[in-house]
Amino acid sequence: MEHYNMNLNLKVWRQKNKNDKGSLVDYKVSGISSEMSFLEMIDVLNEKLVADGKDEPIAFDHDCREGICGMCSMYINGRPHGPWAGTTTCQLHMRAFKDGDTIVIEPWRAKAFPVIKDLVVDRTAFDRIIQAGGYISVNTGNAVDANAIPIPKDDADKAFAAAACIGCGACVAACKNASAMLFVSAKVSQLALLPQGKPEAQKRVLDMVAQMDKEGFGSCTNTGACEAECPKEISLENIARLNREFTSASIMSEE
């Protein structure tokens, strides 16, 4: 693969705190390697800002930089996580851009995800949804043989695919209604599909959906933007499963 360096024009959202109005600020970076990750490019810019002493470094979330933690959440040219499908921001490489490109970098935009500073948003609403019901009460005891509880392979595969959700919030950012249905449905599905998740199934879905609504997320209108922009390609099938689980649980709770 051909390696090349580029000069870029960046428009980065700067916001001091949640009460600040915020605005896009222009920066120029040069000598950016096509093999750098997007976050490494921001590291280079921050080093320049520190050296110049004219502006604070840009605040942004990151941890693993391996596409696992879900923290590297930002809009890049109007798309959550940038132009590559099925890719987190930390795994996006600068070869996705050309020399002289202008790149607009913004935080997630959602009522339930208030901006803390610059590109950092408060996503603890997701944590509270998980706390509302994302658990099982099965006493696992000592480690048992992997085949002790027979699970159909199709169910296991679907549960595993749902569990791949990293809670980054791209689904919320992509949705015109800022809905969290794809996230919640993935967390409900990964347990609803397995026998270990059956005891709390009814309470879980009711509590998690109630918490989702309490946090101020919007409604799902099935436009599919969430699935299209999800870096782990979580399927809309999970939303259908969540709706079935919720309807069943609602009926059972009324009996």
Protein backbone atom coordinates (compact mmCIF):
# COMPACT_ATOMS: atom_id res chain seq x y z
CA MET A 1 0.00 0.00 0.00
CA GLU A 2 1.35 3.38 -1.01
CA HIS A 3 2.40 5.61 1.86
CA TYR A 4 2.08 9.37 1.54
CA ASN A 5 1.97 12.53 3.67
CA MET A 6 -0.74 15.16 3.53
CA ASN A 7 -1.67 18.62 4.71
CA LEU A 8 -5.20 19.02 6.06
CA ASN A 9 -7.63 21.74 7.03
CA LEU A 10 -9.54 20.86 10.18
CA LYS A 11 -12.71 22.40 11.52
CA VAL A 12 -12.99 21.18 15.12
CA TRP A 13 -15.84 21.80 17.54
CA ARG A 14 -14.51 23.62 20.62
CA GLN A 15 -16.75 23.98 23.67
CA LYS A 16 -15.44 24.84 27.13
CA ASN A 17 -18.28 23.18 29.06
CA LYS A 18 -21.92 22.17 28.78
CA ASN A 19 -23.06 25.77 29.29
CA ASP A 20 -20.78 27.22 26.62
CA LYS A 21 -22.29 27.86 23.19
CA GLY A 22 -19.33 26.34 21.36
CA SER A 23 -18.18 26.81 17.76
CA LEU A 24 -16.06 25.31 14.99
CA VAL A 25 -12.42 26.43 15.04
CA ASP A 26 -10.07 26.16 12.06
CA TYR A 27 -6.72 24.38 12.37
CA LYS A 28 -4.10 23.28 9.86
CA VAL A 29 -1.96 20.18 10.24
CA SER A 30 0.90 19.17 7.96
CA GLY A 31 2.99 16.09 7.32
CA ILE A 32 0.21 13.71 8.35
CA SER A 33 1.04 10.14 7.35
CA SER A 34 -1.61 8.20 5.46
CA GLU A 35 -0.91 5.31 7.84
CA MET A 36 -1.75 7.26 11.00
CA SER A 37 -5.04 6.55 12.73
CA PHE A 38 -7.50 9.42 13.00
CA LEU A 39 -6.81 9.75 16.73
CA GLU A 40 -3.07 9.85 16.10
CA MET A 41 -3.71 12.76 13.76
CA ILE A 42 -5.52 14.58 16.58
CA ASP A 43 -2.59 13.73 18.88
CA VAL A 44 -0.27 15.49 16.41
CA LEU A 45 -2.53 18.55 16.40
CA ASN A 46 -2.68 18.59 20.21
CA GLU A 47 1.11 18.40 20.46
CA LYS A 48 1.29 21.40 18.15
CA LEU A 49 -1.27 23.30 20.25
CA VAL A 50 0.70 22.60 23.42
CA ALA A 51 3.99 23.62 21.79
CA ASP A 52 2.51 26.85 20.45
CA GLY A 53 0.86 27.64 23.78
CA LYS A 54 -1.96 29.54 22.06
CA ASP A 55 -4.82 27.13 22.66
CA GLU A 56 -5.74 24.23 24.95
CA PRO A 57 -5.44 20.70 23.55
CA ILE A 58 -8.65 19.35 22.04
CA ALA A 59 -10.51 17.16 24.53
CA PHE A 60 -11.66 13.83 23.09
CA ASP A 61 -12.49 10.40 24.49
CA HIS A 62 -10.24 7.40 23.88
CA ASP A 63 -9.05 4.33 25.74
CA CYS A 64 -8.25 1.04 24.01
CA ARG A 65 -7.71 2.41 20.48
CA GLU A 66 -8.54 -1.11 19.28
CA GLY A 67 -12.22 -0.73 18.43
CA ILE A 68 -13.42 -2.32 21.67
CA CYS A 69 -14.18 0.34 24.29
CA GLY A 70 -16.56 2.56 22.30
CA MET A 71 -15.14 5.81 23.66
CA CYS A 72 -13.77 7.33 20.42
CA SER A 73 -17.13 8.81 19.50
CA MET A 74 -17.21 11.75 17.10
CA TYR A 75 -18.81 12.99 13.90
CA ILE A 76 -16.35 13.17 11.02
CA ASN A 77 -17.65 15.06 7.99
CA GLY A 78 -21.21 14.48 9.15
CA ARG A 79 -20.91 10.73 9.76
CA PRO A 80 -20.52 8.95 13.10
CA HIS A 81 -16.99 7.48 13.24
CA GLY A 82 -16.20 8.75 9.72
CA PRO A 83 -16.40 7.47 6.15
CA TRP A 84 -15.50 3.78 6.60
CA ALA A 85 -18.37 1.38 7.32
CA GLY A 86 -18.06 -0.96 10.30
CA THR A 87 -15.15 1.04 11.71
CA THR A 88 -14.62 2.96 14.94
CA THR A 89 -12.86 6.34 14.88
CA CYS A 90 -9.71 4.86 16.41
CA GLN A 91 -9.50 2.31 13.58
CA LEU A 92 -10.12 4.88 10.86
CA HIS A 93 -6.86 5.61 9.06
CA MET A 94 -5.86 8.83 7.36
CA ARG A 95 -5.63 7.10 3.97
CA ALA A 96 -9.40 7.60 3.93
CA PHE A 97 -8.63 11.26 3.13
CA LYS A 98 -6.67 13.16 0.48
CA ASP A 99 -4.04 15.86 0.68
CA GLY A 100 -5.69 19.26 1.09
CA ASP A 101 -8.99 17.86 2.39
CA THR A 102 -11.12 19.79 4.85
CA ILE A 103 -12.33 17.60 7.72
CA VAL A 104 -15.14 18.70 10.05
CA ILE A 105 -14.98 17.07 13.50
CA GLU A 106 -17.89 17.37 15.94
CA PRO A 107 -19.26 15.63 19.06
CA TRP A 108 -22.42 13.52 19.15
CA ARG A 109 -25.58 15.64 18.98
CA ALA A 110 -28.32 14.35 21.29
CA LYS A 111 -30.27 15.69 24.26
CA ALA A 112 -29.35 12.59 26.25
CA PHE A 113 -25.63 13.04 25.39
CA PRO A 114 -24.74 16.55 26.66
CA VAL A 115 -21.34 17.89 25.64
CA ILE A 116 -18.84 17.94 28.51
CA LYS A 117 -16.01 19.62 26.63
CA ASP A 118 -15.04 19.86 22.96
CA LEU A 119 -15.59 16.39 21.47
CA VAL A 120 -16.38 14.68 24.79
CA VAL A 121 -20.02 13.91 25.56
CA ASP A 122 -21.65 12.43 28.64
CA ARG A 123 -22.83 8.93 27.66
CA THR A 124 -23.62 7.73 31.18
CA ALA A 125 -27.27 7.47 30.12
CA PHE A 126 -26.24 4.16 28.54
CA ASP A 127 -24.76 3.01 31.86
CA ARG A 128 -28.00 3.76 33.66
CA ILE A 129 -29.97 1.77 31.10
CA ILE A 130 -27.69 -1.22 31.67
CA GLN A 131 -28.02 -0.81 35.44
CA ALA A 132 -31.80 -0.80 35.10
CA GLY A 133 -31.90 -4.39 33.92
CA GLY A 134 -28.85 -5.68 32.09
CA TYR A 135 -28.03 -8.56 34.42
CA ILE A 136 -28.86 -12.18 35.26
CA SER A 137 -29.39 -13.68 38.72
CA VAL A 138 -28.22 -17.18 37.85
CA ASN A 139 -25.75 -18.48 40.44
CA THR A 140 -22.93 -19.59 38.19
CA GLY A 141 -20.87 -21.18 40.97
CA ASN A 142 -17.75 -22.92 39.76
CA ALA A 143 -16.85 -22.93 36.10
CA VAL A 144 -18.83 -25.59 34.25
CA ASP A 145 -18.23 -27.41 31.02
CA ALA A 146 -18.97 -25.22 28.03
CA ASN A 147 -21.53 -27.71 26.74
CA ALA A 148 -23.36 -28.19 30.05
CA ILE A 149 -26.20 -25.91 28.91
CA PRO A 150 -27.19 -26.82 25.36
CA ILE A 151 -27.90 -23.72 23.26
CA PRO A 152 -28.88 -23.88 19.57
CA LYS A 153 -26.02 -22.55 17.46
CA ASP A 154 -28.27 -20.06 15.68
CA ASP A 155 -29.31 -18.56 19.03
CA ALA A 156 -25.73 -18.50 20.27
CA ASP A 157 -24.55 -16.76 17.09
CA LYS A 158 -27.28 -14.12 17.33
CA ALA A 159 -26.55 -13.53 21.02
CA PHE A 160 -22.85 -13.18 20.27
CA ALA A 161 -23.54 -10.72 17.43
CA ALA A 162 -25.75 -8.61 19.72
CA ALA A 163 -23.13 -8.70 22.47
CA ALA A 164 -20.64 -7.14 20.03
CA CYS A 165 -22.27 -3.74 20.74
CA ILE A 166 -19.67 -1.49 22.39
CA GLY A 167 -22.09 1.23 23.51
CA CYS A 168 -20.37 3.99 21.54
CA GLY A 169 -23.61 5.83 20.79
CA ALA A 170 -23.21 6.03 17.01
CA CYS A 171 -26.76 4.71 16.66
CA VAL A 172 -28.09 7.65 18.67
CA ALA A 173 -25.93 10.13 16.77
CA ALA A 174 -27.07 8.78 13.39
CA CYS A 175 -30.78 8.68 14.24
CA LYS A 176 -32.87 11.72 13.28
CA ASN A 177 -34.79 11.19 16.54
CA ALA A 178 -31.71 10.40 18.68
CA SER A 179 -33.20 7.00 19.48
CA ALA A 180 -31.27 4.47 21.56
CA MET A 181 -33.33 1.50 20.37
CA LEU A 182 -30.46 -0.28 18.60
CA PHE A 183 -28.27 -0.11 21.71
CA VAL A 184 -31.03 -1.20 24.09
CA SER A 185 -32.21 -3.94 21.76
CA ALA A 186 -28.69 -5.34 21.49
CA LYS A 187 -28.35 -5.46 25.28
CA VAL A 188 -31.79 -7.04 25.66
CA SER A 189 -31.19 -9.54 22.82
CA GLN A 190 -27.86 -10.86 24.03
CA LEU A 191 -29.59 -12.10 27.20
CA ALA A 192 -33.07 -12.83 25.84
CA LEU A 193 -31.62 -15.36 23.39
CA LEU A 194 -29.86 -17.40 26.09
CA PRO A 195 -31.37 -19.62 28.79
CA GLN A 196 -29.39 -17.79 31.48
CA GLY A 197 -31.29 -14.62 30.65
CA LYS A 198 -34.80 -16.06 30.93
CA PRO A 199 -35.51 -15.52 34.68
CA GLU A 200 -35.34 -11.70 34.42
CA ALA A 201 -36.53 -11.45 30.81
CA GLN A 202 -39.85 -9.77 31.52
CA LYS A 203 -38.59 -7.33 34.15
CA ARG A 204 -35.42 -6.59 32.19
CA VAL A 205 -37.07 -5.34 29.02
CA LEU A 206 -39.67 -3.27 30.88
CA ASP A 207 -37.08 -1.64 33.13
CA MET A 208 -34.55 -0.93 30.39
CA VAL A 209 -37.11 0.60 28.04
CA ALA A 210 -38.51 2.70 30.89
CA GLN A 211 -35.02 3.98 31.71
CA MET A 212 -34.34 4.69 28.03
CA ASP A 213 -37.46 6.86 27.88
CA LYS A 214 -36.55 8.54 31.17
CA GLU A 215 -33.14 9.53 29.77
CA GLY A 216 -34.80 11.49 26.95
CA PHE A 217 -33.91 9.41 23.92
CA GLY A 218 -36.25 9.73 20.94
CA SER A 219 -38.52 7.16 19.32
CA CYS A 220 -37.50 4.68 16.63
CA THR A 221 -39.03 5.18 13.18
CA ASN A 222 -37.11 2.35 11.47
CA THR A 223 -35.17 4.49 9.01
CA GLY A 224 -32.15 2.20 9.49
CA ALA A 225 -29.52 4.92 9.93
CA CYS A 226 -28.45 3.30 13.21
CA GLU A 227 -27.59 -0.03 11.58
CA ALA A 228 -25.87 1.70 8.65
CA GLU A 229 -23.54 3.71 10.92
CA CYS A 230 -22.96 1.16 13.69
CA PRO A 231 -19.23 0.30 13.79
CA LYS A 232 -20.10 -3.24 14.93
CA GLU A 233 -22.91 -3.58 12.36
CA ILE A 234 -25.57 -4.51 14.92
CA SER A 235 -28.68 -5.70 13.07
CA LEU A 236 -32.11 -4.04 13.08
CA GLU A 237 -33.40 -7.54 13.77
CA ASN A 238 -32.61 -6.82 17.40
CA ILE A 239 -35.06 -3.93 17.47
CA ALA A 240 -37.79 -6.26 16.21
CA ARG A 241 -36.87 -8.71 18.98
CA LEU A 242 -36.97 -5.93 21.58
CA ASN A 243 -40.45 -4.94 20.42
CA ARG A 244 -41.64 -8.55 20.71
CA GLU A 245 -40.07 -8.92 24.15
CA PHE A 246 -41.58 -5.62 25.32
CA THR A 247 -45.07 -6.44 24.00
CA SER A 248 -45.03 -9.88 25.60
CA ALA A 249 -43.73 -8.52 28.91
CA SER A 250 -46.35 -5.75 28.94
CA ILE A 251 -49.18 -8.25 28.44
CA MET A 252 -47.81 -10.62 31.07
CA SER A 253 -47.43 -7.82 33.62
CA GLU A 254 -51.12 -6.92 33.24
CA GLU A 255 -52.36 -10.45 33.91
